[in-house]
Amino acid sequence: MALKVGDRIKQLTNSTGTGDISFTGTSTGFAAFSSVLNSGDTTYYTITENGKWEVGIGTFGDGNMVRTTVLVSSNSNSHVNLGGSGVVFITYPSDRSVFRNLDGEVVVGPSGLYFNNGTLVKDAKIGELTDVNSSGTPSSTHILSFDHTNQSLLIGDSTGPSNSKNILIGDGAASGITSGYENVVIGVDASTANNA
């Protein structure tokens, strides 16, 4: 299932102890967990009761929620011991949030960015490019290509292929290579014959 959050989701609980949460009603002006979650979905939650509080990741069930992971709490970051008069709501924990700073820049934590194609980026390796100008229509589908699988680097239009461990720099560099590998070619139209 999926991790989901929702707005204005808050319910009451009469659960006691440190186990699962059963919902007994919905606070006035708010909606139930079931309005945004299906059985098996996870969400970020907060539980409060008198001076006790707990923020964590919960797994929603059929009218209940398992307190799967405690992120932070008033009980030394462990489950708080409820006494039967708690309030539970969906939250967005600060240490899991993505936000814009005062300059409008998106701030990403040390865990990085995860894309739906499975790519995880933790550190920006390329600085901001300035004074980059391009004109005309490129004939290649790339001008700059990092081929991690084949350990290759291509820079320039109409370069040769990204066969194993080729480093090709310059328009037309190694454009004649079709099967060579471990080539380092630098220069416009350099090494256009397939001798490797």
N, C-alpha and C. Protein backbone atom coordinates (compact mmCIF):
# COMPACT_ATOMS: atom_id res chain seq x y z
N MET A 1 0.83 -1.19 0.00
CA MET A 1 0.00 0.00 0.00
C MET A 1 0.88 1.25 0.00
N ALA A 2 0.28 2.41 0.18
CA ALA A 2 0.99 3.67 0.00
C ALA A 2 1.06 4.48 1.28
N LEU A 3 2.07 5.35 1.33
CA LEU A 3 2.13 6.37 2.39
C LEU A 3 1.28 7.54 1.94
N LYS A 4 0.30 7.92 2.75
CA LYS A 4 -0.60 9.00 2.40
C LYS A 4 -0.72 9.97 3.56
N VAL A 5 -0.98 11.22 3.23
CA VAL A 5 -1.33 12.22 4.24
C VAL A 5 -2.62 12.87 3.79
N GLY A 6 -3.28 13.59 4.70
CA GLY A 6 -4.54 14.24 4.38
C GLY A 6 -4.73 15.44 5.29
N ASP A 7 -5.57 16.35 4.85
CA ASP A 7 -5.86 17.56 5.62
C ASP A 7 -7.07 17.34 6.54
N ARG A 8 -7.00 17.96 7.71
CA ARG A 8 -8.13 17.97 8.65
C ARG A 8 -8.62 16.57 9.01
N ILE A 9 -7.68 15.67 9.29
CA ILE A 9 -8.02 14.31 9.72
C ILE A 9 -7.69 14.22 11.21
N LYS A 10 -8.73 14.06 12.05
CA LYS A 10 -8.51 13.99 13.49
C LYS A 10 -9.63 13.18 14.13
N GLN A 11 -9.23 12.18 14.93
CA GLN A 11 -10.21 11.35 15.61
C GLN A 11 -9.85 11.16 17.08
N LEU A 12 -10.84 10.68 17.83
CA LEU A 12 -10.66 10.40 19.25
C LEU A 12 -10.39 8.92 19.43
N THR A 13 -9.73 8.59 20.54
CA THR A 13 -9.48 7.19 20.85
C THR A 13 -9.64 6.96 22.34
N ASN A 14 -10.18 5.79 22.69
CA ASN A 14 -10.23 5.39 24.10
C ASN A 14 -9.24 4.27 24.38
N SER A 15 -8.29 4.09 23.46
CA SER A 15 -7.28 3.04 23.63
C SER A 15 -6.39 3.35 24.82
N THR A 16 -5.93 2.30 25.46
CA THR A 16 -5.01 2.44 26.59
C THR A 16 -3.73 1.67 26.29
N GLY A 17 -2.68 2.04 26.99
CA GLY A 17 -1.41 1.34 26.84
C GLY A 17 -0.60 1.85 25.66
N THR A 18 0.27 0.99 25.16
CA THR A 18 1.21 1.38 24.10
C THR A 18 0.94 0.66 22.78
N GLY A 19 -0.22 -0.01 22.69
CA GLY A 19 -0.52 -0.80 21.49
C GLY A 19 -1.28 -0.04 20.43
N ASP A 20 -2.04 -0.80 19.64
CA ASP A 20 -2.79 -0.23 18.52
C ASP A 20 -3.82 0.79 18.99
N ILE A 21 -4.23 1.64 18.05
CA ILE A 21 -5.22 2.68 18.32
C ILE A 21 -6.55 2.27 17.71
N SER A 22 -7.61 2.32 18.49
CA SER A 22 -8.97 2.18 17.97
C SER A 22 -9.62 3.55 17.98
N PHE A 23 -10.37 3.85 16.95
CA PHE A 23 -11.00 5.16 16.84
C PHE A 23 -12.43 5.09 17.39
N THR A 24 -12.79 6.11 18.17
CA THR A 24 -14.13 6.11 18.79
C THR A 24 -15.02 7.22 18.24
N GLY A 25 -14.47 8.13 17.52
CA GLY A 25 -15.28 9.23 16.97
C GLY A 25 -14.39 10.20 16.23
N THR A 26 -15.02 11.16 15.58
CA THR A 26 -14.30 12.16 14.79
C THR A 26 -14.54 13.53 15.41
N SER A 27 -13.48 14.28 15.56
CA SER A 27 -13.58 15.61 16.14
C SER A 27 -14.43 16.51 15.25
N THR A 28 -15.17 17.42 15.86
CA THR A 28 -16.03 18.35 15.12
C THR A 28 -15.20 19.18 14.17
N GLY A 29 -15.65 19.25 12.91
CA GLY A 29 -14.95 20.02 11.90
C GLY A 29 -13.83 19.27 11.21
N PHE A 30 -13.67 17.99 11.55
CA PHE A 30 -12.60 17.19 10.97
C PHE A 30 -13.19 15.94 10.31
N ALA A 31 -12.35 15.19 9.60
CA ALA A 31 -12.78 13.96 8.94
C ALA A 31 -12.06 12.76 9.54
N ALA A 32 -12.58 11.57 9.25
CA ALA A 32 -12.02 10.34 9.78
C ALA A 32 -10.81 9.87 8.96
N PHE A 33 -9.96 9.08 9.57
CA PHE A 33 -8.81 8.49 8.88
C PHE A 33 -9.27 7.71 7.65
N SER A 34 -10.42 7.05 7.75
CA SER A 34 -10.92 6.22 6.65
C SER A 34 -11.31 7.04 5.43
N SER A 35 -11.42 8.36 5.57
CA SER A 35 -11.78 9.18 4.41
C SER A 35 -10.60 9.37 3.46
N VAL A 36 -9.38 9.11 3.92
CA VAL A 36 -8.21 9.26 3.05
C VAL A 36 -7.34 8.02 2.99
N LEU A 37 -7.54 7.07 3.91
CA LEU A 37 -6.69 5.89 3.97
C LEU A 37 -7.47 4.61 3.71
N ASN A 38 -6.84 3.68 3.03
CA ASN A 38 -7.37 2.33 2.88
C ASN A 38 -6.61 1.40 3.79
N SER A 39 -7.17 0.25 4.07
CA SER A 39 -6.50 -0.72 4.93
C SER A 39 -5.13 -1.07 4.35
N GLY A 40 -4.10 -0.96 5.17
CA GLY A 40 -2.74 -1.24 4.75
C GLY A 40 -1.94 0.00 4.41
N ASP A 41 -2.61 1.15 4.20
CA ASP A 41 -1.90 2.40 3.95
C ASP A 41 -1.17 2.84 5.21
N THR A 42 -0.07 3.55 5.02
CA THR A 42 0.64 4.15 6.15
C THR A 42 0.47 5.66 6.10
N THR A 43 0.65 6.27 7.26
CA THR A 43 0.55 7.73 7.36
C THR A 43 1.39 8.23 8.51
N TYR A 44 1.66 9.52 8.53
CA TYR A 44 2.30 10.16 9.66
C TYR A 44 1.20 10.59 10.63
N TYR A 45 1.37 10.29 11.89
CA TYR A 45 0.33 10.61 12.87
C TYR A 45 0.93 11.31 14.08
N THR A 46 0.07 11.99 14.81
CA THR A 46 0.39 12.51 16.14
C THR A 46 -0.70 12.06 17.09
N ILE A 47 -0.30 11.63 18.28
CA ILE A 47 -1.24 11.32 19.36
C ILE A 47 -0.94 12.28 20.50
N THR A 48 -1.99 12.89 21.04
CA THR A 48 -1.82 13.71 22.23
C THR A 48 -2.81 13.26 23.30
N GLU A 49 -2.39 13.34 24.54
CA GLU A 49 -3.28 13.06 25.67
C GLU A 49 -2.70 13.75 26.89
N ASN A 50 -3.44 14.77 27.35
CA ASN A 50 -2.95 15.59 28.46
C ASN A 50 -1.56 16.10 28.09
N GLY A 51 -0.53 15.82 28.88
CA GLY A 51 0.81 16.31 28.56
C GLY A 51 1.63 15.35 27.72
N LYS A 52 1.08 14.22 27.35
CA LYS A 52 1.82 13.22 26.57
C LYS A 52 1.59 13.43 25.08
N TRP A 53 2.62 13.12 24.27
CA TRP A 53 2.48 13.23 22.82
C TRP A 53 3.42 12.24 22.13
N GLU A 54 3.04 11.89 20.90
CA GLU A 54 3.81 10.93 20.12
C GLU A 54 3.62 11.23 18.64
N VAL A 55 4.71 11.29 17.89
CA VAL A 55 4.66 11.47 16.44
C VAL A 55 5.30 10.23 15.82
N GLY A 56 4.61 9.65 14.84
CA GLY A 56 5.15 8.44 14.26
C GLY A 56 4.57 8.09 12.91
N ILE A 57 4.86 6.87 12.48
CA ILE A 57 4.32 6.30 11.25
C ILE A 57 3.36 5.20 11.65
N GLY A 58 2.12 5.31 11.20
CA GLY A 58 1.11 4.33 11.55
C GLY A 58 0.62 3.57 10.33
N THR A 59 0.17 2.35 10.56
CA THR A 59 -0.43 1.53 9.49
C THR A 59 -1.91 1.40 9.78
N PHE A 60 -2.71 1.91 8.84
CA PHE A 60 -4.16 1.94 9.01
C PHE A 60 -4.76 0.58 8.74
N GLY A 61 -5.74 0.20 9.57
CA GLY A 61 -6.44 -1.06 9.39
C GLY A 61 -7.93 -0.82 9.25
N ASP A 62 -8.72 -1.74 9.73
CA ASP A 62 -10.18 -1.62 9.65
C ASP A 62 -10.67 -0.98 10.95
N GLY A 63 -10.69 0.36 10.97
CA GLY A 63 -11.13 1.07 12.16
C GLY A 63 -10.08 1.19 13.24
N ASN A 64 -8.86 0.84 12.91
CA ASN A 64 -7.78 0.97 13.89
C ASN A 64 -6.49 1.39 13.20
N MET A 65 -5.45 1.65 13.97
CA MET A 65 -4.15 1.99 13.42
C MET A 65 -3.05 1.40 14.28
N VAL A 66 -2.13 0.72 13.65
CA VAL A 66 -0.95 0.18 14.33
C VAL A 66 0.09 1.29 14.42
N ARG A 67 0.61 1.50 15.60
CA ARG A 67 1.65 2.51 15.80
C ARG A 67 2.99 1.87 15.40
N THR A 68 3.25 1.85 14.09
CA THR A 68 4.36 1.08 13.53
C THR A 68 5.72 1.59 13.99
N THR A 69 5.96 2.90 13.84
CA THR A 69 7.27 3.47 14.14
C THR A 69 7.10 4.79 14.87
N VAL A 70 7.75 4.95 16.00
CA VAL A 70 7.74 6.23 16.71
C VAL A 70 8.93 7.05 16.22
N LEU A 71 8.66 8.26 15.74
CA LEU A 71 9.73 9.14 15.30
C LEU A 71 10.25 9.98 16.46
N VAL A 72 9.33 10.50 17.27
CA VAL A 72 9.69 11.32 18.42
C VAL A 72 8.50 11.32 19.38
N SER A 73 8.78 11.39 20.67
CA SER A 73 7.68 11.40 21.64
C SER A 73 8.14 12.00 22.96
N SER A 74 7.16 12.24 23.81
CA SER A 74 7.46 12.75 25.16
C SER A 74 7.96 11.64 26.07
N ASN A 75 7.95 10.40 25.60
CA ASN A 75 8.41 9.25 26.37
C ASN A 75 9.74 8.76 25.82
N SER A 76 10.71 9.67 25.74
CA SER A 76 12.05 9.35 25.25
C SER A 76 12.01 8.66 23.89
N ASN A 77 11.13 9.14 23.03
CA ASN A 77 10.97 8.65 21.66
C ASN A 77 10.50 7.20 21.58
N SER A 78 9.77 6.78 22.61
CA SER A 78 9.10 5.48 22.62
C SER A 78 7.60 5.71 22.65
N HIS A 79 6.82 4.65 22.48
CA HIS A 79 5.36 4.78 22.55
C HIS A 79 4.95 5.38 23.91
N VAL A 80 3.99 6.31 23.87
CA VAL A 80 3.46 6.83 25.12
C VAL A 80 2.37 5.87 25.62
N ASN A 81 2.21 5.82 26.92
CA ASN A 81 1.23 4.94 27.55
C ASN A 81 -0.08 5.70 27.68
N LEU A 82 -1.05 5.35 26.84
CA LEU A 82 -2.31 6.09 26.80
C LEU A 82 -3.24 5.66 27.92
N GLY A 83 -4.09 6.63 28.34
CA GLY A 83 -5.02 6.37 29.43
C GLY A 83 -6.48 6.32 29.02
N GLY A 84 -6.77 6.36 27.71
CA GLY A 84 -8.15 6.21 27.25
C GLY A 84 -8.83 7.49 26.81
N SER A 85 -8.10 8.61 26.72
CA SER A 85 -8.73 9.87 26.30
C SER A 85 -7.84 10.62 25.31
N GLY A 86 -7.26 9.88 24.37
CA GLY A 86 -6.33 10.48 23.41
C GLY A 86 -7.00 11.08 22.19
N VAL A 87 -6.25 11.91 21.50
CA VAL A 87 -6.65 12.49 20.23
C VAL A 87 -5.56 12.13 19.22
N VAL A 88 -5.98 11.67 18.02
CA VAL A 88 -5.04 11.23 16.99
C VAL A 88 -5.31 12.01 15.71
N PHE A 89 -4.26 12.52 15.06
CA PHE A 89 -4.46 13.24 13.81
C PHE A 89 -3.30 13.01 12.87
N ILE A 90 -3.57 13.19 11.56
CA ILE A 90 -2.51 13.09 10.56
C ILE A 90 -1.68 14.36 10.61
N THR A 91 -0.36 14.18 10.50
CA THR A 91 0.56 15.31 10.59
C THR A 91 1.60 15.21 9.48
N TYR A 92 2.49 16.15 9.43
CA TYR A 92 3.59 16.17 8.48
C TYR A 92 4.85 16.48 9.28
N PRO A 93 5.56 15.45 9.76
CA PRO A 93 6.68 15.66 10.68
C PRO A 93 7.77 16.56 10.09
N SER A 94 8.31 17.43 10.90
CA SER A 94 9.30 18.39 10.41
C SER A 94 10.54 17.70 9.86
N ASP A 95 10.97 16.58 10.47
CA ASP A 95 12.19 15.94 9.97
C ASP A 95 11.96 15.11 8.71
N ARG A 96 10.71 15.01 8.26
CA ARG A 96 10.39 14.33 7.00
C ARG A 96 9.90 15.31 5.95
N SER A 97 9.95 16.59 6.24
CA SER A 97 9.33 17.58 5.35
C SER A 97 10.31 18.10 4.30
N VAL A 98 9.75 18.56 3.20
CA VAL A 98 10.46 19.28 2.16
C VAL A 98 9.82 20.67 2.11
N PHE A 99 10.64 21.71 2.12
CA PHE A 99 10.09 23.06 2.18
C PHE A 99 10.98 24.03 1.43
N ARG A 100 10.46 25.24 1.23
CA ARG A 100 11.24 26.31 0.60
C ARG A 100 11.83 27.21 1.69
N ASN A 101 13.09 27.58 1.53
CA ASN A 101 13.70 28.49 2.50
C ASN A 101 13.26 29.92 2.20
N LEU A 102 13.83 30.88 2.91
CA LEU A 102 13.41 32.27 2.76
C LEU A 102 13.72 32.84 1.37
N ASP A 103 14.64 32.21 0.64
CA ASP A 103 14.97 32.64 -0.71
C ASP A 103 14.15 31.89 -1.76
N GLY A 104 13.22 31.04 -1.31
CA GLY A 104 12.37 30.30 -2.24
C GLY A 104 13.00 29.03 -2.78
N GLU A 105 14.16 28.64 -2.25
CA GLU A 105 14.85 27.43 -2.72
C GLU A 105 14.29 26.22 -1.98
N VAL A 106 14.15 25.11 -2.69
CA VAL A 106 13.65 23.88 -2.08
C VAL A 106 14.77 23.25 -1.27
N VAL A 107 14.49 22.93 -0.02
CA VAL A 107 15.47 22.34 0.88
C VAL A 107 15.22 20.84 0.96
N VAL A 108 16.23 20.05 0.66
CA VAL A 108 16.13 18.59 0.70
C VAL A 108 17.08 18.08 1.78
N GLY A 109 16.59 17.21 2.63
CA GLY A 109 17.39 16.67 3.72
C GLY A 109 18.45 15.69 3.24
N PRO A 110 19.26 15.16 4.17
CA PRO A 110 20.37 14.27 3.80
C PRO A 110 19.94 12.95 3.18
N SER A 111 18.65 12.59 3.34
CA SER A 111 18.19 11.34 2.72
C SER A 111 18.07 11.47 1.21
N GLY A 112 18.02 12.69 0.68
CA GLY A 112 18.04 12.91 -0.75
C GLY A 112 16.68 12.92 -1.41
N LEU A 113 16.69 12.90 -2.74
CA LEU A 113 15.49 12.88 -3.57
C LEU A 113 15.34 11.49 -4.18
N TYR A 114 14.14 10.93 -4.08
CA TYR A 114 13.87 9.63 -4.68
C TYR A 114 12.84 9.82 -5.78
N PHE A 115 13.19 9.39 -6.99
CA PHE A 115 12.29 9.53 -8.14
C PHE A 115 11.56 8.22 -8.39
N ASN A 116 10.39 8.30 -9.04
CA ASN A 116 9.58 7.10 -9.22
C ASN A 116 10.21 6.08 -10.16
N ASN A 117 11.30 6.42 -10.84
CA ASN A 117 12.00 5.43 -11.67
C ASN A 117 13.08 4.70 -10.88
N GLY A 118 13.14 4.94 -9.56
CA GLY A 118 14.11 4.26 -8.70
C GLY A 118 15.41 5.02 -8.51
N THR A 119 15.55 6.18 -9.10
CA THR A 119 16.78 6.98 -8.97
C THR A 119 16.79 7.70 -7.63
N LEU A 120 17.90 7.59 -6.91
CA LEU A 120 18.09 8.29 -5.65
C LEU A 120 19.26 9.24 -5.79
N VAL A 121 19.03 10.53 -5.55
CA VAL A 121 20.08 11.54 -5.62
C VAL A 121 20.27 12.10 -4.22
N LYS A 122 21.46 11.88 -3.65
CA LYS A 122 21.73 12.36 -2.30
C LYS A 122 22.59 13.62 -2.29
N ASP A 123 23.48 13.76 -3.24
CA ASP A 123 24.34 14.93 -3.30
C ASP A 123 24.36 15.46 -4.73
N ALA A 124 24.31 16.77 -4.86
CA ALA A 124 24.44 17.37 -6.18
C ALA A 124 25.91 17.34 -6.56
N LYS A 125 26.23 16.66 -7.64
CA LYS A 125 27.63 16.52 -8.06
C LYS A 125 28.04 17.57 -9.08
N ILE A 126 27.07 18.19 -9.73
CA ILE A 126 27.37 19.19 -10.75
C ILE A 126 26.87 20.53 -10.24
N GLY A 127 27.76 21.52 -10.23
CA GLY A 127 27.36 22.85 -9.80
C GLY A 127 26.47 23.51 -10.84
N GLU A 128 25.92 24.61 -10.47
CA GLU A 128 25.07 25.35 -11.40
C GLU A 128 25.89 25.80 -12.60
N LEU A 129 25.38 25.52 -13.79
CA LEU A 129 26.08 25.91 -15.00
C LEU A 129 25.71 27.34 -15.38
N THR A 130 26.72 28.13 -15.73
CA THR A 130 26.46 29.50 -16.17
C THR A 130 27.15 29.72 -17.51
N ASP A 131 26.71 30.72 -18.22
CA ASP A 131 27.30 31.08 -19.51
C ASP A 131 27.31 29.90 -20.47
N VAL A 132 26.24 29.11 -20.47
CA VAL A 132 26.12 28.01 -21.42
C VAL A 132 25.18 28.46 -22.52
N ASN A 133 25.70 28.50 -23.75
CA ASN A 133 24.90 28.92 -24.89
C ASN A 133 24.86 27.80 -25.90
N SER A 134 23.73 27.61 -26.53
CA SER A 134 23.58 26.58 -27.55
C SER A 134 22.74 27.15 -28.67
N SER A 135 23.15 26.85 -29.90
CA SER A 135 22.36 27.30 -31.04
C SER A 135 22.27 26.17 -32.05
N GLY A 136 21.33 26.27 -32.96
CA GLY A 136 21.15 25.22 -33.95
C GLY A 136 20.34 24.06 -33.38
N THR A 137 20.15 23.03 -34.20
CA THR A 137 19.39 21.86 -33.79
C THR A 137 20.33 20.68 -33.67
N PRO A 138 20.49 20.10 -32.48
CA PRO A 138 21.40 18.96 -32.35
C PRO A 138 20.86 17.75 -33.11
N SER A 139 21.77 16.96 -33.69
CA SER A 139 21.34 15.76 -34.39
C SER A 139 21.30 14.56 -33.46
N SER A 140 21.98 14.66 -32.32
CA SER A 140 21.96 13.58 -31.34
C SER A 140 20.80 13.78 -30.38
N THR A 141 20.49 12.74 -29.63
CA THR A 141 19.48 12.88 -28.58
C THR A 141 20.11 13.38 -27.30
N HIS A 142 21.41 13.63 -27.34
CA HIS A 142 22.11 14.11 -26.15
C HIS A 142 23.25 15.03 -26.56
N ILE A 143 23.59 15.92 -25.70
CA ILE A 143 24.80 16.74 -25.82
C ILE A 143 25.76 16.36 -24.70
N LEU A 144 25.19 15.98 -23.57
CA LEU A 144 25.96 15.55 -22.40
C LEU A 144 25.34 14.27 -21.87
N SER A 145 26.14 13.19 -21.81
CA SER A 145 25.60 11.90 -21.39
C SER A 145 26.56 11.21 -20.44
N PHE A 146 26.05 10.87 -19.25
CA PHE A 146 26.78 10.04 -18.30
C PHE A 146 26.15 8.66 -18.33
N ASP A 147 26.86 7.68 -18.84
CA ASP A 147 26.35 6.31 -18.92
C ASP A 147 26.99 5.50 -17.81
N HIS A 148 26.30 5.44 -16.66
CA HIS A 148 26.85 4.75 -15.50
C HIS A 148 27.03 3.26 -15.75
N THR A 149 26.07 2.64 -16.45
CA THR A 149 26.14 1.21 -16.71
C THR A 149 27.38 0.84 -17.51
N ASN A 150 27.66 1.61 -18.55
CA ASN A 150 28.83 1.32 -19.39
C ASN A 150 30.06 2.12 -19.00
N GLN A 151 29.98 2.88 -17.93
CA GLN A 151 31.09 3.69 -17.43
C GLN A 151 31.64 4.60 -18.52
N SER A 152 30.73 5.33 -19.20
CA SER A 152 31.12 6.18 -20.31
C SER A 152 30.67 7.61 -20.10
N LEU A 153 31.38 8.51 -20.78
CA LEU A 153 31.05 9.93 -20.75
C LEU A 153 31.08 10.44 -22.18
N LEU A 154 29.98 11.07 -22.62
CA LEU A 154 29.92 11.66 -23.95
C LEU A 154 29.60 13.14 -23.81
N ILE A 155 30.42 13.98 -24.43
CA ILE A 155 30.17 15.42 -24.44
C ILE A 155 30.29 15.90 -25.88
N GLY A 156 29.21 16.41 -26.45
CA GLY A 156 29.23 16.93 -27.80
C GLY A 156 28.17 16.28 -28.66
N ASP A 157 27.85 16.95 -29.74
CA ASP A 157 26.85 16.45 -30.67
C ASP A 157 27.47 15.42 -31.61
N SER A 158 26.71 14.43 -32.01
CA SER A 158 27.12 13.42 -32.99
C SER A 158 28.37 12.65 -32.59
N THR A 159 28.55 12.42 -31.30
CA THR A 159 29.70 11.62 -30.88
C THR A 159 29.44 10.15 -31.17
N GLY A 160 30.47 9.35 -30.96
CA GLY A 160 30.30 7.91 -31.10
C GLY A 160 29.45 7.36 -29.97
N PRO A 161 29.30 6.03 -29.90
CA PRO A 161 28.41 5.41 -28.93
C PRO A 161 29.03 5.30 -27.54
N SER A 162 28.17 5.05 -26.56
CA SER A 162 28.66 4.90 -25.19
C SER A 162 28.95 3.43 -24.90
N ASN A 163 29.81 2.84 -25.77
CA ASN A 163 30.25 1.46 -25.49
C ASN A 163 31.06 1.46 -24.20
N SER A 164 31.43 0.31 -23.76
CA SER A 164 32.09 0.17 -22.46
C SER A 164 33.29 1.09 -22.30
N LYS A 165 33.20 1.95 -21.31
CA LYS A 165 34.30 2.79 -20.86
C LYS A 165 34.83 3.76 -21.91
N ASN A 166 33.97 4.25 -22.83
CA ASN A 166 34.38 5.27 -23.79
C ASN A 166 34.22 6.65 -23.17
N ILE A 167 35.22 7.50 -23.38
CA ILE A 167 35.14 8.91 -23.00
C ILE A 167 35.35 9.70 -24.28
N LEU A 168 34.28 10.33 -24.76
CA LEU A 168 34.29 11.00 -26.04
C LEU A 168 33.90 12.46 -25.85
N ILE A 169 34.81 13.36 -26.21
CA ILE A 169 34.58 14.78 -25.98
C ILE A 169 34.82 15.54 -27.26
N GLY A 170 33.79 16.23 -27.75
CA GLY A 170 33.89 17.06 -28.94
C GLY A 170 32.87 16.65 -29.98
N ASP A 171 32.32 17.61 -30.69
CA ASP A 171 31.34 17.31 -31.73
C ASP A 171 31.93 16.33 -32.73
N GLY A 172 31.26 15.21 -32.95
CA GLY A 172 31.70 14.20 -33.90
C GLY A 172 32.82 13.32 -33.39
N ALA A 173 33.25 13.51 -32.15
CA ALA A 173 34.36 12.70 -31.62
C ALA A 173 34.00 11.23 -31.66
N ALA A 174 34.87 10.43 -32.28
CA ALA A 174 34.71 8.98 -32.38
C ALA A 174 33.41 8.59 -33.06
N SER A 175 32.92 9.43 -33.96
CA SER A 175 31.64 9.13 -34.62
C SER A 175 31.72 7.89 -35.50
N GLY A 176 32.93 7.47 -35.87
CA GLY A 176 33.07 6.26 -36.68
C GLY A 176 33.19 4.99 -35.88
N ILE A 177 33.31 5.09 -34.56
CA ILE A 177 33.46 3.90 -33.73
C ILE A 177 32.10 3.22 -33.56
N THR A 178 32.07 1.92 -33.83
CA THR A 178 30.82 1.18 -33.64
C THR A 178 30.96 0.06 -32.62
N SER A 179 32.17 -0.42 -32.42
CA SER A 179 32.33 -1.55 -31.49
C SER A 179 33.50 -1.37 -30.53
N GLY A 180 34.24 -0.28 -30.64
CA GLY A 180 35.41 -0.10 -29.79
C GLY A 180 35.04 0.17 -28.34
N TYR A 181 35.99 -0.08 -27.45
CA TYR A 181 35.76 0.17 -26.04
C TYR A 181 37.04 0.69 -25.41
N GLU A 182 36.92 1.30 -24.24
CA GLU A 182 38.02 1.90 -23.49
C GLU A 182 38.77 2.94 -24.33
N ASN A 183 38.02 3.72 -25.14
CA ASN A 183 38.60 4.80 -25.93
C ASN A 183 38.49 6.11 -25.19
N VAL A 184 39.52 6.94 -25.32
CA VAL A 184 39.47 8.33 -24.87
C VAL A 184 39.73 9.18 -26.10
N VAL A 185 38.72 9.90 -26.54
CA VAL A 185 38.81 10.69 -27.76
C VAL A 185 38.41 12.12 -27.44
N ILE A 186 39.31 13.06 -27.76
CA ILE A 186 39.04 14.46 -27.49
C ILE A 186 39.32 15.25 -28.76
N GLY A 187 38.34 16.01 -29.20
CA GLY A 187 38.51 16.88 -30.36
C GLY A 187 37.36 16.75 -31.33
N VAL A 188 37.10 17.81 -32.05
CA VAL A 188 36.03 17.82 -33.04
C VAL A 188 36.39 16.87 -34.17
N ASP A 189 35.50 15.94 -34.47
CA ASP A 189 35.66 14.94 -35.53
C ASP A 189 36.94 14.12 -35.36
N ALA A 190 37.42 13.99 -34.14
CA ALA A 190 38.62 13.18 -33.92
C ALA A 190 38.28 11.71 -33.90
N SER A 191 39.17 10.88 -34.39
CA SER A 191 39.08 9.42 -34.36
C SER A 191 37.74 8.96 -34.94
N THR A 192 37.58 9.18 -36.22
CA THR A 192 36.32 8.79 -36.86
C THR A 192 36.39 7.41 -37.51
N ALA A 193 37.56 6.77 -37.49
CA ALA A 193 37.69 5.41 -38.07
C ALA A 193 37.51 4.36 -36.99
N ASN A 194 36.88 3.24 -37.36
CA ASN A 194 36.61 2.15 -36.40
C ASN A 194 37.78 1.17 -36.39
N ASN A 195 38.87 1.57 -35.71
CA ASN A 195 40.07 0.73 -35.67
C ASN A 195 40.22 -0.04 -34.38
N ALA A 196 39.33 0.15 -33.43
CA ALA A 196 39.50 -0.51 -32.13
C ALA A 196 38.59 -1.73 -32.06
